[in-house]
Amino acid sequence: MMLRKHSGWGPVLSFMERLKLQLQQSARWLWHEWLRPLFIAACIVFPLKSSFAEWNYVPSGSMMPSLLPGDLVWVNKLAYDLKVPFTTAHLAEWGDPQRGDIAVFYSPADQMRLVKRVIGLPGDVVESRDDRLFINGHPLIYQALPADLAGPESRRGALLAEEELAGRPHAVQILPARPALRTFGPVVVPAGCYFMMGDNRDDSHDSRFFGSVPRRSVIGKATTLLVSVDLDRFACPRSDRFLRPIQ
């Protein structure tokens, strides 16, 4: 007596084969229509972003009043040189950071990205006496500004002044009630290095603490404030700061 083969698996196998075919077709469509174009775009965009321009988020108030927490700034990575993508190696150089530039760089202390103002150039002697800067023995010129320009910081007794650095005026802020390193130096900036400081002089971790920044660690120059949100008001947009040049 011969046993008949059980035919109940036929429809199940047929369904599984159709499902497998559909999955293969969907995977091919997903790769050709979405993943491959995204992969190609990433291979083009990310190296360009690494070498030419990008943006940098400002998380703290160390550059107040020039930059506020919640600002997003445009960084021109071609301002000084051309780098190998994803590295700090230079392919070509056509300029150097200048006094008064707002530079983005890697901190010598921990390699974190920082945004600070260029104060001292290679060979300069930088000194501060009670928050008044001296470059090569010459005091910078200061003019008082209205304290209410400090915004919320004015409630903490912030004082503002316009500082003229190499003929380029910009606002700086001090917090008299806060313990800070107001007097230092004189410090000689080593060759191939730059002395960086925050505009919020009494609330900035900068070259006073981690030393001068090597030229190779400079990423680029912050030139434009793209967008800004008020972190104290549930990220409400500060529309008056959109697309503003940075002084």
Protein backbone atom coordinates (compact mmCIF):
# COMPACT_ATOMS: atom_id res chain seq x y z
CA MET A 1 0.00 0.00 0.00
CA MET A 2 1.54 3.32 -1.12
CA LEU A 3 1.09 6.59 0.83
CA ARG A 4 0.16 9.69 -1.11
CA LYS A 5 2.30 12.76 -0.68
CA HIS A 6 0.71 15.41 1.44
CA SER A 7 -0.12 18.28 -0.93
CA GLY A 8 -1.00 20.84 1.76
CA TRP A 9 2.46 22.48 1.61
CA GLY A 10 2.10 23.46 -2.03
CA PRO A 11 0.19 26.72 -1.50
CA VAL A 12 2.40 27.62 1.45
CA LEU A 13 5.59 27.15 -0.58
CA SER A 14 4.10 29.09 -3.47
CA PHE A 15 3.22 31.98 -1.12
CA MET A 16 6.71 31.96 0.40
CA GLU A 17 8.31 32.05 -3.04
CA ARG A 18 6.11 34.99 -4.09
CA LEU A 19 6.90 36.80 -0.82
CA LYS A 20 10.63 36.21 -1.30
CA LEU A 21 10.43 37.54 -4.85
CA GLN A 22 8.53 40.64 -3.71
CA LEU A 23 11.07 41.32 -0.97
CA GLN A 24 13.92 41.02 -3.44
CA GLN A 25 12.19 43.40 -5.85
CA SER A 26 11.47 45.87 -3.02
CA ALA A 27 15.08 45.73 -1.86
CA ARG A 28 16.34 46.37 -5.39
CA TRP A 29 13.91 49.30 -5.80
CA LEU A 30 14.92 50.74 -2.42
CA TRP A 31 18.60 50.52 -3.34
CA HIS A 32 18.25 52.03 -6.81
CA GLU A 33 15.71 54.74 -5.95
CA TRP A 34 16.81 55.80 -2.46
CA LEU A 35 19.90 54.25 -0.92
CA ARG A 36 22.26 54.50 -3.89
CA PRO A 37 21.43 58.20 -4.62
CA LEU A 38 21.81 59.01 -0.92
CA PHE A 39 25.12 57.14 -0.79
CA ILE A 40 26.43 58.98 -3.86
CA ALA A 41 25.25 62.31 -2.47
CA ALA A 42 26.93 61.59 0.87
CA CYS A 43 30.19 60.73 -0.89
CA ILE A 44 30.06 64.17 -2.53
CA VAL A 45 28.56 66.36 0.20
CA PHE A 46 30.49 65.19 3.27
CA PRO A 47 33.99 65.70 1.80
CA LEU A 48 32.87 69.11 0.49
CA LYS A 49 31.47 69.99 3.91
CA SER A 50 34.67 68.85 5.56
CA SER A 51 36.91 70.96 3.30
CA PHE A 52 34.92 74.00 2.17
CA ALA A 53 32.21 75.19 4.56
CA GLU A 54 29.94 74.06 7.35
CA TRP A 55 28.01 75.36 10.33
CA ASN A 56 28.78 75.43 14.01
CA TYR A 57 26.32 75.49 16.91
CA VAL A 58 27.08 77.84 19.81
CA PRO A 59 26.15 76.06 23.08
CA SER A 60 27.46 78.53 25.66
CA GLY A 61 27.70 82.24 26.40
CA SER A 62 31.49 82.52 26.16
CA MET A 63 31.24 84.79 23.09
CA MET A 64 28.48 87.07 24.37
CA PRO A 65 27.38 89.58 23.30
CA SER A 66 28.71 88.83 19.79
CA LEU A 67 27.30 85.30 19.79
CA LEU A 68 24.53 83.95 22.00
CA PRO A 69 23.73 80.42 23.18
CA GLY A 70 21.49 78.91 20.52
CA ASP A 71 23.19 80.64 17.57
CA LEU A 72 24.12 78.66 14.48
CA VAL A 73 27.03 80.22 12.60
CA TRP A 74 28.38 79.66 9.09
CA VAL A 75 32.04 78.66 9.02
CA ASN A 76 34.13 79.45 5.95
CA LYS A 77 36.71 76.68 5.90
CA LEU A 78 38.40 78.20 2.85
CA ALA A 79 39.15 81.48 4.61
CA TYR A 80 42.74 80.48 5.31
CA ASP A 81 43.52 77.21 3.55
CA LEU A 82 42.34 74.01 1.88
CA LYS A 83 42.46 70.85 3.96
CA VAL A 84 42.37 67.16 3.14
CA PRO A 85 38.76 66.04 3.81
CA PHE A 86 38.16 64.77 7.36
CA THR A 87 41.66 65.78 8.48
CA THR A 88 43.58 68.89 9.59
CA ALA A 89 46.31 68.31 6.98
CA HIS A 90 46.72 71.32 4.69
CA LEU A 91 46.77 70.96 0.92
CA ALA A 92 47.31 74.69 0.35
CA GLU A 93 47.45 77.89 2.40
CA TRP A 94 46.65 81.41 1.17
CA GLY A 95 46.04 83.31 4.39
CA ASP A 96 46.32 83.28 8.15
CA PRO A 97 43.91 84.23 10.94
CA GLN A 98 43.93 87.96 11.62
CA ARG A 99 43.35 89.91 14.82
CA GLY A 100 39.63 90.29 15.38
CA ASP A 101 38.61 87.22 13.36
CA ILE A 102 36.18 84.84 15.03
CA ALA A 103 37.78 81.46 14.47
CA VAL A 104 36.58 77.90 14.92
CA PHE A 105 39.30 75.53 16.11
CA TYR A 106 40.09 72.39 18.05
CA SER A 107 41.04 73.04 21.67
CA PRO A 108 44.61 71.99 22.53
CA ALA A 109 43.27 70.72 25.86
CA ASP A 110 40.66 68.18 24.73
CA GLN A 111 40.18 68.64 20.95
CA MET A 112 36.70 70.04 21.41
CA ARG A 113 35.51 72.48 18.74
CA LEU A 114 35.49 76.03 20.09
CA VAL A 115 34.50 79.44 18.73
CA LYS A 116 36.68 82.33 19.97
CA ARG A 117 38.16 85.61 18.77
CA VAL A 118 41.75 85.86 17.54
CA ILE A 119 43.56 88.21 19.93
CA GLY A 120 47.28 87.50 19.49
CA LEU A 121 49.26 86.56 16.39
CA PRO A 122 52.54 84.61 16.31
CA GLY A 123 55.23 86.60 18.14
CA ASP A 124 52.77 88.97 19.85
CA VAL A 125 53.02 89.77 23.54
CA VAL A 126 49.54 89.58 25.10
CA GLU A 127 48.74 90.92 28.56
CA SER A 128 45.62 91.79 30.53
CA ARG A 129 45.27 94.15 33.48
CA ASP A 130 41.88 94.09 35.14
CA ASP A 131 40.16 93.01 31.90
CA ARG A 132 42.01 95.60 29.80
CA LEU A 133 44.06 93.99 27.04
CA PHE A 134 47.53 95.06 25.98
CA ILE A 135 49.04 93.88 22.68
CA ASN A 136 52.81 94.34 22.36
CA GLY A 137 52.69 96.80 25.22
CA HIS A 138 49.94 98.96 23.72
CA PRO A 139 46.56 99.14 25.49
CA LEU A 140 43.46 98.54 23.41
CA ILE A 141 40.89 101.32 23.11
CA TYR A 142 37.58 100.83 24.94
CA GLN A 143 34.30 102.73 24.91
CA ALA A 144 31.45 101.96 27.30
CA LEU A 145 28.21 100.55 25.85
CA PRO A 146 24.72 100.48 27.40
CA ALA A 147 24.44 97.54 29.80
CA ASP A 148 20.96 96.64 28.53
CA LEU A 149 22.56 95.39 25.29
CA ALA A 150 23.69 92.39 27.32
CA GLY A 151 20.08 91.15 27.42
CA PRO A 152 19.44 88.63 30.23
CA GLU A 153 23.06 88.98 31.35
CA SER A 154 22.33 92.57 32.44
CA ARG A 155 20.46 91.07 35.39
CA ARG A 156 23.79 89.63 36.55
CA GLY A 157 25.46 93.04 36.47
CA ALA A 158 27.15 92.58 33.11
CA LEU A 159 29.09 95.53 31.74
CA LEU A 160 29.66 96.06 28.02
CA ALA A 161 32.36 97.94 26.15
CA GLU A 162 33.40 98.34 22.54
CA GLU A 163 36.92 97.03 22.09
CA GLU A 164 38.97 98.10 19.07
CA LEU A 165 41.29 95.35 17.91
CA ALA A 166 43.48 96.18 14.89
CA GLY A 167 41.01 98.87 13.85
CA ARG A 168 38.07 96.45 14.06
CA PRO A 169 35.58 97.34 16.82
CA HIS A 170 33.49 94.68 18.54
CA ALA A 171 31.60 94.40 21.81
CA VAL A 172 33.01 92.61 24.85
CA GLN A 173 31.39 91.80 28.16
CA ILE A 174 32.65 91.49 31.72
CA LEU A 175 30.93 90.21 34.85
CA PRO A 176 32.40 92.13 37.82
CA ALA A 177 30.71 89.94 40.42
CA ARG A 178 32.11 86.71 38.97
CA PRO A 179 35.52 85.33 40.02
CA ALA A 180 37.65 85.34 36.87
CA LEU A 181 41.18 85.57 35.48
CA ARG A 182 41.19 89.30 34.71
CA THR A 183 44.94 89.86 34.94
CA PHE A 184 47.52 87.65 33.22
CA GLY A 185 50.74 87.81 31.28
CA PRO A 186 52.61 89.13 29.56
CA VAL A 187 52.44 86.02 27.36
CA VAL A 188 54.48 85.58 24.17
CA VAL A 189 52.50 83.81 21.44
CA PRO A 190 54.69 81.02 19.98
CA ALA A 191 55.49 80.84 16.28
CA GLY A 192 52.72 79.20 14.29
CA CYS A 193 50.17 79.74 17.08
CA TYR A 194 47.33 82.11 17.97
CA PHE A 195 46.01 83.49 21.24
CA MET A 196 42.20 83.06 21.37
CA MET A 197 39.76 84.64 23.82
CA GLY A 198 36.01 84.78 24.25
CA ASP A 199 34.23 88.12 24.08
CA ASN A 200 32.56 87.29 27.40
CA ARG A 201 35.88 87.83 29.13
CA ASP A 202 34.90 86.66 32.62
CA ASP A 203 33.08 83.53 31.45
CA SER A 204 35.24 81.94 28.77
CA HIS A 205 37.61 78.97 28.79
CA ASP A 206 40.21 80.08 26.27
CA SER A 207 43.96 80.57 25.67
CA ARG A 208 44.36 81.99 29.17
CA PHE A 209 43.85 78.43 30.41
CA PHE A 210 44.85 76.02 27.61
CA GLY A 211 47.50 78.14 25.89
CA SER A 212 47.91 79.31 22.33
CA VAL A 213 46.26 77.39 19.49
CA PRO A 214 48.44 75.84 16.74
CA ARG A 215 47.71 76.97 13.19
CA ARG A 216 46.91 73.41 12.12
CA SER A 217 44.07 73.26 14.68
CA VAL A 218 42.21 76.22 13.14
CA ILE A 219 39.20 74.94 11.19
CA GLY A 220 37.94 78.15 9.63
CA LYS A 221 36.43 81.58 10.11
CA ALA A 222 32.90 82.20 11.41
CA THR A 223 31.43 84.81 9.07
CA THR A 224 27.62 84.73 9.24
CA LEU A 225 24.98 84.06 11.85
CA LEU A 226 22.55 81.71 10.09
CA VAL A 227 19.74 81.23 12.61
CA SER A 228 19.27 81.65 16.34
CA VAL A 229 16.90 80.30 18.98
CA ASP A 230 16.35 81.51 22.53
CA LEU A 231 17.14 78.56 24.79
CA ASP A 232 15.53 80.37 27.74
CA ARG A 233 12.22 80.66 25.88
CA PHE A 234 11.59 77.10 24.68
CA ALA A 235 13.82 77.55 21.59
CA CYS A 236 11.76 80.47 20.31
CA PRO A 237 13.41 81.83 17.11
CA ARG A 238 15.35 85.09 17.36
CA SER A 239 14.35 86.25 13.88
CA ASP A 240 16.26 89.53 14.23
CA ARG A 241 19.51 87.54 14.29
CA PHE A 242 18.86 85.48 11.15
CA LEU A 243 21.44 85.83 8.34
CA ARG A 244 23.44 88.53 10.08
CA PRO A 245 27.17 89.12 9.43
CA ILE A 246 29.32 88.52 12.49
CA GLN A 247 31.50 91.38 13.71
